[in-house]
Amino acid sequence: MSSMPSGSTRRTPTAAPGLARRRAVARLLPAGLVALAVLTACTSEPARRPAPAPPDKDDGGLQVGSEVVFEGDYETGDFTQWTRCQNRKYSDPCADYDGDFYGARIDDQEVRQGDYAARFEVRNGDDPSWGGGERSEVSRYEEAIVREGDERWYEFSLKFDEDFPDVEGNFFIVMQWHAGDDSSPPMALEVDRKGRLVLADNTSDDAEDVVIGDIVRGEWVDYVIHATFSRDAEEGWAEVWQDGELVVERHARANMTTERNYLKMGIYRAKQERSTAIVWQDGLRITAP
């Protein structure tokens, strides 16, 4: 494959320091208190995974962009990093969303990094009044908009519920680069009927999905999508990493149909679905060269 543009590295969460602290306590306490200290440490709430450190350009890892243009990692404890929240009950600015609907909630237990993640749930019939399909999504305009020739890296983590159902409808989208009009997204991250995560092109019936791999139920998986955006298939391209390994090599694709794309994440699926689907998302960071 062609060489990757220079930049900074993939975030690597550091190990939780709980074990080291317990060993230090055992060395410093009198013998009679060691057992009590160990019992207290073992019964307390597990240590949180710390937020990833800023990229280190010299550690030889996966290279990403050096300029952070947007973070949608929910570390605010709400959805205010995002522009618009859409689900069966709500379609307005995320700044005013109270998060009390099961469709989109902040989760402080199932997290990949930091203290919070987003939990999206769609049940049978969760089709908003304006129609189009069942959904619970967040959108970001402004910083997350891309235009002709823009190069971006998207770092994020997904967790599909351990009871995540088989897809029956003709689309199940968890991330989309939505066109500037109301047309279908020219590039989207979807789950297909074979249980695979694919990078899809919804602009043509003849377009072929690029397979990333089987979805993993009940576990967090880290992804990096690196793309240059263009309406010209000879200029646009994309490549994908999963858990630090290149799984989709750089390939040409026209990933725009209008002068700009904006970003959406969550669940957007066809009306044919009948089962309840739950997906967690965490740690989104978008960088540019």
C-alpha atoms as a PDB file:
ATOM      1  CA  MET A   1       0.000   0.000   0.000  1.00  0.00           C
ATOM      2  CA  SER A   2       1.075   3.597  -0.294  1.00  0.00           C
ATOM      3  CA  SER A   3       2.856   5.170   2.629  1.00  0.00           C
ATOM      4  CA  MET A   4       0.834   6.924   5.275  1.00  0.00           C
ATOM      5  CA  PRO A   5       1.121  10.697   5.640  1.00  0.00           C
ATOM      6  CA  SER A   6       3.142  11.796   8.619  1.00  0.00           C
ATOM      7  CA  GLY A   7       1.350  12.858  11.746  1.00  0.00           C
ATOM      8  CA  SER A   8       0.830  11.664  15.263  1.00  0.00           C
ATOM      9  CA  THR A   9       0.051   8.248  16.687  1.00  0.00           C
ATOM     10  CA  ARG A  10      -3.008   6.274  17.642  1.00  0.00           C
ATOM     11  CA  ARG A  11      -4.058   6.871  21.214  1.00  0.00           C
ATOM     12  CA  THR A  12      -3.062   4.048  23.541  1.00  0.00           C
ATOM     13  CA  PRO A  13      -4.887   3.966  26.888  1.00  0.00           C
ATOM     14  CA  THR A  14      -2.482   3.425  29.756  1.00  0.00           C
ATOM     15  CA  ALA A  15      -2.878   0.575  32.208  1.00  0.00           C
ATOM     16  CA  ALA A  16      -4.947   1.150  35.340  1.00  0.00           C
ATOM     17  CA  PRO A  17      -2.635   1.894  38.293  1.00  0.00           C
ATOM     18  CA  GLY A  18      -4.690   0.041  40.928  1.00  0.00           C
ATOM     19  CA  LEU A  19      -2.372  -2.973  41.323  1.00  0.00           C
ATOM     20  CA  ALA A  20       0.753  -0.840  41.752  1.00  0.00           C
ATOM     21  CA  ARG A  21      -0.975   1.263  44.430  1.00  0.00           C
ATOM     22  CA  ARG A  22      -2.067  -1.836  46.367  1.00  0.00           C
ATOM     23  CA  ARG A  23       1.496  -3.199  46.352  1.00  0.00           C
ATOM     24  CA  ALA A  24       2.843   0.125  47.610  1.00  0.00           C
ATOM     25  CA  VAL A  25       0.286   0.169  50.435  1.00  0.00           C
ATOM     26  CA  ALA A  26       1.285  -3.361  51.450  1.00  0.00           C
ATOM     27  CA  ARG A  27       4.947  -2.309  51.733  1.00  0.00           C
ATOM     28  CA  LEU A  28       4.256   0.789  53.820  1.00  0.00           C
ATOM     29  CA  LEU A  29       1.552  -0.364  56.255  1.00  0.00           C
ATOM     30  CA  PRO A  30       2.270  -2.236  59.481  1.00  0.00           C
ATOM     31  CA  ALA A  31       1.737  -5.972  59.132  1.00  0.00           C
ATOM     32  CA  GLY A  32      -1.477  -5.905  61.152  1.00  0.00           C
ATOM     33  CA  LEU A  33      -3.122  -3.494  58.678  1.00  0.00           C
ATOM     34  CA  VAL A  34      -2.050  -5.107  55.419  1.00  0.00           C
ATOM     35  CA  ALA A  35      -5.034  -7.467  55.280  1.00  0.00           C
ATOM     36  CA  LEU A  36      -7.473  -4.613  55.859  1.00  0.00           C
ATOM     37  CA  ALA A  37      -5.853  -2.503  53.144  1.00  0.00           C
ATOM     38  CA  VAL A  38      -5.967  -5.330  50.624  1.00  0.00           C
ATOM     39  CA  LEU A  39      -9.605  -6.120  51.461  1.00  0.00           C
ATOM     40  CA  THR A  40     -10.598  -2.465  51.022  1.00  0.00           C
ATOM     41  CA  ALA A  41      -8.779  -2.197  47.674  1.00  0.00           C
ATOM     42  CA  CYS A  42     -10.337  -5.375  46.326  1.00  0.00           C
ATOM     43  CA  THR A  43     -13.902  -4.465  47.298  1.00  0.00           C
ATOM     44  CA  SER A  44     -13.805  -0.888  46.029  1.00  0.00           C
ATOM     45  CA  GLU A  45     -15.068   0.125  42.570  1.00  0.00           C
ATOM     46  CA  PRO A  46     -12.668  -0.970  39.787  1.00  0.00           C
ATOM     47  CA  ALA A  47     -10.334   1.737  38.558  1.00  0.00           C
ATOM     48  CA  ARG A  48     -11.447   3.594  35.457  1.00  0.00           C
ATOM     49  CA  ARG A  49      -9.418   3.379  32.292  1.00  0.00           C
ATOM     50  CA  PRO A  50      -7.686   6.775  32.008  1.00  0.00           C
ATOM     51  CA  ALA A  51      -8.397   9.012  29.045  1.00  0.00           C
ATOM     52  CA  PRO A  52      -5.833   8.476  26.271  1.00  0.00           C
ATOM     53  CA  ALA A  53      -2.776  10.683  26.340  1.00  0.00           C
ATOM     54  CA  PRO A  54      -2.091  13.103  23.486  1.00  0.00           C
ATOM     55  CA  PRO A  55      -0.487  11.425  20.462  1.00  0.00           C
ATOM     56  CA  ASP A  56       3.248  10.797  20.605  1.00  0.00           C
ATOM     57  CA  LYS A  57       4.808  11.260  17.178  1.00  0.00           C
ATOM     58  CA  ASP A  58       7.875   9.221  18.015  1.00  0.00           C
ATOM     59  CA  ASP A  59       6.574   5.920  19.394  1.00  0.00           C
ATOM     60  CA  GLY A  60       6.356   4.257  15.993  1.00  0.00           C
ATOM     61  CA  GLY A  61       2.662   3.385  16.266  1.00  0.00           C
ATOM     62  CA  LEU A  62      -0.240   4.018  13.925  1.00  0.00           C
ATOM     63  CA  GLN A  63       0.040   7.514  12.506  1.00  0.00           C
ATOM     64  CA  VAL A  64      -2.950   9.846  12.704  1.00  0.00           C
ATOM     65  CA  GLY A  65      -3.335  13.569  12.097  1.00  0.00           C
ATOM     66  CA  SER A  66      -1.508  16.141  14.181  1.00  0.00           C
ATOM     67  CA  GLU A  67      -4.395  18.624  14.391  1.00  0.00           C
ATOM     68  CA  VAL A  68      -7.431  17.675  16.489  1.00  0.00           C
ATOM     69  CA  VAL A  69     -10.508  19.149  14.814  1.00  0.00           C
ATOM     70  CA  PHE A  70     -13.280  17.534  16.901  1.00  0.00           C
ATOM     71  CA  GLU A  71     -13.730  15.285  19.921  1.00  0.00           C
ATOM     72  CA  GLY A  72     -17.057  13.571  20.512  1.00  0.00           C
ATOM     73  CA  ASP A  73     -16.031  11.295  23.385  1.00  0.00           C
ATOM     74  CA  TYR A  74     -18.894  12.178  25.797  1.00  0.00           C
ATOM     75  CA  GLU A  75     -16.447  13.128  28.555  1.00  0.00           C
ATOM     76  CA  THR A  76     -18.691  16.132  29.236  1.00  0.00           C
ATOM     77  CA  GLY A  77     -21.122  13.630  30.759  1.00  0.00           C
ATOM     78  CA  ASP A  78     -23.801  14.546  28.211  1.00  0.00           C
ATOM     79  CA  PHE A  79     -24.350  14.964  24.462  1.00  0.00           C
ATOM     80  CA  THR A  80     -23.388  18.639  24.221  1.00  0.00           C
ATOM     81  CA  GLN A  81     -20.284  17.976  22.089  1.00  0.00           C
ATOM     82  CA  TRP A  82     -22.695  17.074  19.294  1.00  0.00           C
ATOM     83  CA  THR A  83     -24.926  19.403  17.298  1.00  0.00           C
ATOM     84  CA  ARG A  84     -28.195  17.532  16.936  1.00  0.00           C
ATOM     85  CA  CYS A  85     -29.775  14.510  18.642  1.00  0.00           C
ATOM     86  CA  GLN A  86     -32.401  12.502  16.780  1.00  0.00           C
ATOM     87  CA  ASN A  87     -34.537   9.634  18.020  1.00  0.00           C
ATOM     88  CA  ARG A  88     -38.192   8.685  18.187  1.00  0.00           C
ATOM     89  CA  LYS A  89     -38.920  11.231  20.906  1.00  0.00           C
ATOM     90  CA  TYR A  90     -36.522  14.070  20.162  1.00  0.00           C
ATOM     91  CA  SER A  91     -35.037  15.915  17.182  1.00  0.00           C
ATOM     92  CA  ASP A  92     -33.429  19.142  18.316  1.00  0.00           C
ATOM     93  CA  PRO A  93     -30.095  20.516  19.548  1.00  0.00           C
ATOM     94  CA  CYS A  94     -28.157  18.119  21.757  1.00  0.00           C
ATOM     95  CA  ALA A  95     -27.517  21.009  24.137  1.00  0.00           C
ATOM     96  CA  ASP A  96     -31.187  20.761  25.193  1.00  0.00           C
ATOM     97  CA  TYR A  97     -31.473  16.965  25.255  1.00  0.00           C
ATOM     98  CA  ASP A  98     -32.031  15.705  28.808  1.00  0.00           C
ATOM     99  CA  GLY A  99     -30.944  12.144  28.064  1.00  0.00           C
ATOM    100  CA  ASP A 100     -33.865  10.486  29.859  1.00  0.00           C
ATOM    101  CA  PHE A 101     -35.010   8.426  26.845  1.00  0.00           C
ATOM    102  CA  TYR A 102     -33.683   4.881  26.486  1.00  0.00           C
ATOM    103  CA  GLY A 103     -32.789   5.579  22.848  1.00  0.00           C
ATOM    104  CA  ALA A 104     -29.715   7.698  23.697  1.00  0.00           C
ATOM    105  CA  ARG A 105     -28.146   7.778  27.129  1.00  0.00           C
ATOM    106  CA  ILE A 106     -24.781   8.506  28.698  1.00  0.00           C
ATOM    107  CA  ASP A 107     -23.309   5.384  30.321  1.00  0.00           C
ATOM    108  CA  ASP A 108     -20.742   5.508  33.128  1.00  0.00           C
ATOM    109  CA  GLN A 109     -20.386   1.732  33.450  1.00  0.00           C
ATOM    110  CA  GLU A 110     -19.796   0.391  29.939  1.00  0.00           C
ATOM    111  CA  VAL A 111     -16.887   2.634  28.905  1.00  0.00           C
ATOM    112  CA  ARG A 112     -13.850   2.148  26.693  1.00  0.00           C
ATOM    113  CA  GLN A 113     -11.840   5.121  27.951  1.00  0.00           C
ATOM    114  CA  GLY A 114     -12.355   7.943  30.412  1.00  0.00           C
ATOM    115  CA  ASP A 115     -15.557   8.079  32.462  1.00  0.00           C
ATOM    116  CA  TYR A 116     -18.390   8.080  29.932  1.00  0.00           C
ATOM    117  CA  ALA A 117     -19.628   6.479  26.737  1.00  0.00           C
ATOM    118  CA  ALA A 118     -22.838   6.796  24.711  1.00  0.00           C
ATOM    119  CA  ARG A 119     -25.398   4.007  24.662  1.00  0.00           C
ATOM    120  CA  PHE A 120     -27.769   3.900  21.684  1.00  0.00           C
ATOM    121  CA  GLU A 121     -30.824   1.651  21.642  1.00  0.00           C
ATOM    122  CA  VAL A 122     -33.481   1.163  18.969  1.00  0.00           C
ATOM    123  CA  ARG A 123     -36.588  -0.952  19.473  1.00  0.00           C
ATOM    124  CA  ASN A 124     -39.240  -2.140  17.077  1.00  0.00           C
ATOM    125  CA  GLY A 125     -41.245   0.879  15.923  1.00  0.00           C
ATOM    126  CA  ASP A 126     -38.690   3.559  16.884  1.00  0.00           C
ATOM    127  CA  ASP A 127     -39.384   5.455  13.686  1.00  0.00           C
ATOM    128  CA  PRO A 128     -39.561   9.253  14.209  1.00  0.00           C
ATOM    129  CA  SER A 129     -42.621  11.141  13.019  1.00  0.00           C
ATOM    130  CA  TRP A 130     -40.802  12.363   9.891  1.00  0.00           C
ATOM    131  CA  GLY A 131     -40.101   8.742   8.868  1.00  0.00           C
ATOM    132  CA  GLY A 132     -37.166   7.399   6.923  1.00  0.00           C
ATOM    133  CA  GLY A 133     -36.279   4.514   9.214  1.00  0.00           C
ATOM    134  CA  GLU A 134     -35.794   3.643  12.869  1.00  0.00           C
ATOM    135  CA  ARG A 135     -33.034   5.621  14.491  1.00  0.00           C
ATOM    136  CA  SER A 136     -31.221   7.066  17.458  1.00  0.00           C
ATOM    137  CA  GLU A 137     -28.331   9.236  16.268  1.00  0.00           C
ATOM    138  CA  VAL A 138     -26.196  12.244  16.988  1.00  0.00           C
ATOM    139  CA  SER A 139     -24.905  14.637  14.328  1.00  0.00           C
ATOM    140  CA  ARG A 140     -22.006  17.051  14.213  1.00  0.00           C
ATOM    141  CA  TYR A 141     -21.740  19.918  11.779  1.00  0.00           C
ATOM    142  CA  GLU A 142     -19.124  22.714  11.978  1.00  0.00           C
ATOM    143  CA  GLU A 143     -15.803  21.004  12.835  1.00  0.00           C
ATOM    144  CA  ALA A 144     -16.916  17.575  11.567  1.00  0.00           C
ATOM    145  CA  ILE A 145     -17.826  18.843   8.095  1.00  0.00           C
ATOM    146  CA  VAL A 146     -15.514  17.751   5.286  1.00  0.00           C
ATOM    147  CA  ARG A 147     -15.154  19.277   1.834  1.00  0.00           C
ATOM    148  CA  GLU A 148     -13.481  18.323  -1.420  1.00  0.00           C
ATOM    149  CA  GLY A 149      -9.878  17.248  -0.821  1.00  0.00           C
ATOM    150  CA  ASP A 150     -10.051  17.135   2.995  1.00  0.00           C
ATOM    151  CA  GLU A 151      -8.032  14.381   4.675  1.00  0.00           C
ATOM    152  CA  ARG A 152      -9.214  13.074   8.057  1.00  0.00           C
ATOM    153  CA  TRP A 153      -8.559  10.329  10.612  1.00  0.00           C
ATOM    154  CA  TYR A 154     -11.517   9.079  12.702  1.00  0.00           C
ATOM    155  CA  GLU A 155     -10.553   7.253  15.909  1.00  0.00           C
ATOM    156  CA  PHE A 156     -13.383   5.638  17.880  1.00  0.00           C
ATOM    157  CA  SER A 157     -14.518   2.490  19.675  1.00  0.00           C
ATOM    158  CA  LEU A 158     -17.668   0.401  19.260  1.00  0.00           C
ATOM    159  CA  LYS A 159     -19.291  -2.244  21.414  1.00  0.00           C
ATOM    160  CA  PHE A 160     -22.222  -4.292  20.127  1.00  0.00           C
ATOM    161  CA  ASP A 161     -24.476  -5.737  22.808  1.00  0.00           C
ATOM    162  CA  GLU A 162     -23.851  -9.419  23.525  1.00  0.00           C
ATOM    163  CA  ASP A 163     -27.448 -10.035  22.380  1.00  0.00           C
ATOM    164  CA  PHE A 164     -27.132  -7.867  19.282  1.00  0.00           C
ATOM    165  CA  PRO A 165     -29.566  -9.337  16.731  1.00  0.00           C
ATOM    166  CA  ASP A 166     -28.927 -10.495  13.197  1.00  0.00           C
ATOM    167  CA  VAL A 167     -29.684  -7.757  10.694  1.00  0.00           C
ATOM    168  CA  GLU A 168     -32.761  -8.462   8.566  1.00  0.00           C
ATOM    169  CA  GLY A 169     -33.360  -5.160   6.775  1.00  0.00           C
ATOM    170  CA  ASN A 170     -31.486  -3.641   3.858  1.00  0.00           C
ATOM    171  CA  PHE A 171     -29.388  -1.284   5.989  1.00  0.00           C
ATOM    172  CA  PHE A 172     -28.088  -0.912   9.553  1.00  0.00           C
ATOM    173  CA  ILE A 173     -25.819   2.129   9.897  1.00  0.00           C
ATOM    174  CA  VAL A 174     -23.704   3.000  12.955  1.00  0.00           C
ATOM    175  CA  MET A 175     -21.674   5.851  11.408  1.00  0.00           C
ATOM    176  CA  GLN A 176     -22.267   7.894   8.284  1.00  0.00           C
ATOM    177  CA  TRP A 177     -20.719  10.693   6.333  1.00  0.00           C
ATOM    178  CA  HIS A 178     -24.001  12.253   5.321  1.00  0.00           C
ATOM    179  CA  ALA A 179     -24.300  14.249   2.122  1.00  0.00           C
ATOM    180  CA  GLY A 180     -25.102  17.945   2.387  1.00  0.00           C
ATOM    181  CA  ASP A 181     -28.594  17.333   1.025  1.00  0.00           C
ATOM    182  CA  ASP A 182     -31.153  14.671   1.959  1.00  0.00           C
ATOM    183  CA  SER A 183     -29.657  11.956  -0.258  1.00  0.00           C
ATOM    184  CA  SER A 184     -28.130   8.697   0.979  1.00  0.00           C
ATOM    185  CA  PRO A 185     -24.694   8.846   2.620  1.00  0.00           C
ATOM    186  CA  PRO A 186     -21.862   8.380   0.098  1.00  0.00           C
ATOM    187  CA  MET A 187     -19.862   6.562   2.789  1.00  0.00           C
ATOM    188  CA  ALA A 188     -21.178   4.727   5.844  1.00  0.00           C
ATOM    189  CA  LEU A 189     -20.151   2.146   8.421  1.00  0.00           C
ATOM    190  CA  GLU A 190     -22.814  -0.571   8.362  1.00  0.00           C
ATOM    191  CA  VAL A 191     -23.635  -4.023   9.686  1.00  0.00           C
ATOM    192  CA  ASP A 192     -24.711  -6.315   6.861  1.00  0.00           C
ATOM    193  CA  ARG A 193     -26.959  -9.378   6.907  1.00  0.00           C
ATOM    194  CA  LYS A 194     -23.945 -11.650   7.338  1.00  0.00           C
ATOM    195  CA  GLY A 195     -23.001  -9.964  10.616  1.00  0.00           C
ATOM    196  CA  ARG A 196     -20.055  -8.113   9.115  1.00  0.00           C
ATOM    197  CA  LEU A 197     -19.009  -4.525   9.572  1.00  0.00           C
ATOM    198  CA  VAL A 198     -18.610  -2.949   6.136  1.00  0.00           C
ATOM    199  CA  LEU A 199     -17.640   0.390   4.638  1.00  0.00           C
ATOM    200  CA  ALA A 200     -20.609   1.001   2.373  1.00  0.00           C
ATOM    201  CA  ASP A 201     -21.457   3.271  -0.537  1.00  0.00           C
ATOM    202  CA  ASN A 202     -25.199   3.969  -0.609  1.00  0.00           C
ATOM    203  CA  THR A 203     -25.224   6.195  -3.667  1.00  0.00           C
ATOM    204  CA  SER A 204     -25.613   3.434  -6.251  1.00  0.00           C
ATOM    205  CA  ASP A 205     -27.187  -0.020  -6.449  1.00  0.00           C
ATOM    206  CA  ASP A 206     -24.035  -1.194  -8.203  1.00  0.00           C
ATOM    207  CA  ALA A 207     -21.664  -0.047  -5.458  1.00  0.00           C
ATOM    208  CA  GLU A 208     -19.866  -2.820  -3.571  1.00  0.00           C
ATOM    209  CA  ASP A 209     -19.395  -2.812   0.201  1.00  0.00           C
ATOM    210  CA  VAL A 210     -15.844  -3.174   1.499  1.00  0.00           C
ATOM    211  CA  VAL A 211     -15.752  -5.772   4.295  1.00  0.00           C
ATOM    212  CA  ILE A 212     -13.939  -4.794   7.497  1.00  0.00           C
ATOM    213  CA  GLY A 213     -14.710  -7.990   9.417  1.00  0.00           C
ATOM    214  CA  ASP A 214     -17.257  -9.779  11.581  1.00  0.00           C
ATOM    215  CA  ILE A 215     -18.790  -7.688  14.341  1.00  0.00           C
ATOM    216  CA  VAL A 216     -17.710  -8.626  17.865  1.00  0.00           C
ATOM    217  CA  ARG A 217     -20.585  -8.921  20.336  1.00  0.00           C
ATOM    218  CA  GLY A 218     -20.020  -7.990  23.977  1.00  0.00           C
ATOM    219  CA  GLU A 219     -16.511  -6.519  23.539  1.00  0.00           C
ATOM    220  CA  TRP A 220     -15.046  -3.113  22.782  1.00  0.00           C
ATOM    221  CA  VAL A 221     -13.256  -2.826  19.447  1.00  0.00           C
ATOM    222  CA  ASP A 222     -11.116   0.151  18.389  1.00  0.00           C
ATOM    223  CA  TYR A 223     -11.231   1.549  14.863  1.00  0.00           C
ATOM    224  CA  VAL A 224      -9.419   4.151  12.812  1.00  0.00           C
ATOM    225  CA  ILE A 225     -10.861   5.232   9.471  1.00  0.00           C
ATOM    226  CA  HIS A 226      -8.502   7.315   7.347  1.00  0.00           C
ATOM    227  CA  ALA A 227      -9.919   8.983   4.259  1.00  0.00           C
ATOM    228  CA  THR A 228      -9.514  11.742   1.741  1.00  0.00           C
ATOM    229  CA  PHE A 229     -12.874  13.041   0.539  1.00  0.00           C
ATOM    230  CA  SER A 230     -13.788  13.726  -3.058  1.00  0.00           C
ATOM    231  CA  ARG A 231     -16.589  13.379  -5.571  1.00  0.00           C
ATOM    232  CA  ASP A 232     -13.983  11.944  -7.934  1.00  0.00           C
ATOM    233  CA  ALA A 233     -13.148   8.253  -7.460  1.00  0.00           C
ATOM    234  CA  GLU A 234      -9.626   8.951  -8.695  1.00  0.00           C
ATOM    235  CA  GLU A 235      -9.060  11.439  -5.871  1.00  0.00           C
ATOM    236  CA  GLY A 236     -11.054  10.033  -2.942  1.00  0.00           C
ATOM    237  CA  TRP A 237      -9.974   6.997  -0.930  1.00  0.00           C
ATOM    238  CA  ALA A 238     -10.275   5.266   2.453  1.00  0.00           C
ATOM    239  CA  GLU A 239      -8.495   2.692   4.622  1.00  0.00           C
ATOM    240  CA  VAL A 240      -9.431   1.097   7.960  1.00  0.00           C
ATOM    241  CA  TRP A 241      -7.607  -0.177  11.067  1.00  0.00           C
ATOM    242  CA  GLN A 242      -9.161  -2.471  13.668  1.00  0.00           C
ATOM    243  CA  ASP A 243      -7.459  -2.822  17.051  1.00  0.00           C
ATOM    244  CA  GLY A 244      -4.271  -1.370  15.594  1.00  0.00           C
ATOM    245  CA  GLU A 245      -4.102  -3.639  12.538  1.00  0.00           C
ATOM    246  CA  LEU A 246      -4.730  -2.572   8.964  1.00  0.00           C
ATOM    247  CA  VAL A 247      -7.803  -4.568   7.843  1.00  0.00           C
ATOM    248  CA  VAL A 248      -8.878  -2.568   4.779  1.00  0.00           C
ATOM    249  CA  GLU A 249      -6.107  -1.299   2.560  1.00  0.00           C
ATOM    250  CA  ARG A 250      -6.282   2.072   0.892  1.00  0.00           C
ATOM    251  CA  HIS A 251      -8.757   1.890  -1.968  1.00  0.00           C
ATOM    252  CA  ALA A 252     -10.191   4.456  -4.345  1.00  0.00           C
ATOM    253  CA  ARG A 253     -13.760   5.611  -3.831  1.00  0.00           C
ATOM    254  CA  ALA A 254     -15.925   8.638  -4.517  1.00  0.00           C
ATOM    255  CA  ASN A 255     -17.015   9.382  -0.939  1.00  0.00           C
ATOM    256  CA  MET A 256     -18.855  12.633  -1.618  1.00  0.00           C
ATOM    257  CA  THR A 257     -21.850  13.559  -3.800  1.00  0.00           C
ATOM    258  CA  THR A 258     -22.282  17.178  -2.684  1.00  0.00           C
ATOM    259  CA  GLU A 259     -19.856  19.928  -1.746  1.00  0.00           C
ATOM    260  CA  ARG A 260     -19.694  18.755   1.873  1.00  0.00           C
ATOM    261  CA  ASN A 261     -20.400  15.819   4.226  1.00  0.00           C
ATOM    262  CA  TYR A 262     -21.320  15.999   7.890  1.00  0.00           C
ATOM    263  CA  LEU A 263     -20.934  13.234  10.486  1.00  0.00           C
ATOM    264  CA  LYS A 264     -23.596  11.118  12.190  1.00  0.00           C
ATOM    265  CA  MET A 265     -23.152   8.282  14.718  1.00  0.00           C
ATOM    266  CA  GLY A 266     -25.574   6.014  16.545  1.00  0.00           C
ATOM    267  CA  ILE A 267     -28.105   3.600  15.041  1.00  0.00           C
ATOM    268  CA  TYR A 268     -30.061   4.107  11.832  1.00  0.00           C
ATOM    269  CA  ARG A 269     -31.789   1.020  10.464  1.00  0.00           C
ATOM    270  CA  ALA A 270     -34.506  -0.148   8.098  1.00  0.00           C
ATOM    271  CA  LYS A 271     -38.107  -0.494   9.236  1.00  0.00           C
ATOM    272  CA  GLN A 272     -38.030  -4.241   8.553  1.00  0.00           C
ATOM    273  CA  GLU A 273     -36.107  -4.819  11.772  1.00  0.00           C
ATOM    274  CA  ARG A 274     -38.128  -6.157  14.724  1.00  0.00           C
ATOM    275  CA  SER A 275     -35.538  -6.828  17.420  1.00  0.00           C
ATOM    276  CA  THR A 276     -34.024  -4.475  19.978  1.00  0.00           C
ATOM    277  CA  ALA A 277     -30.483  -3.388  19.082  1.00  0.00           C
ATOM    278  CA  ILE A 278     -27.975  -1.749  21.443  1.00  0.00           C
ATOM    279  CA  VAL A 279     -24.609  -0.244  20.493  1.00  0.00           C
ATOM    280  CA  TRP A 280     -22.132   1.698  22.631  1.00  0.00           C
ATOM    281  CA  GLN A 281     -19.765   4.283  21.164  1.00  0.00           C
ATOM    282  CA  ASP A 282     -16.823   5.978  22.820  1.00  0.00           C
ATOM    283  CA  GLY A 283     -13.683   8.001  22.261  1.00  0.00           C
ATOM    284  CA  LEU A 284     -14.368   9.646  18.910  1.00  0.00           C
ATOM    285  CA  ARG A 285     -11.572  11.954  17.854  1.00  0.00           C
ATOM    286  CA  ILE A 286     -11.158  13.471  14.400  1.00  0.00           C
ATOM    287  CA  THR A 287      -7.754  14.722  13.294  1.00  0.00           C
ATOM    288  CA  ALA A 288      -6.366  16.436  10.214  1.00  0.00           C
ATOM    289  CA  PRO A 289      -2.792  16.573   8.850  1.00  0.00           C
END
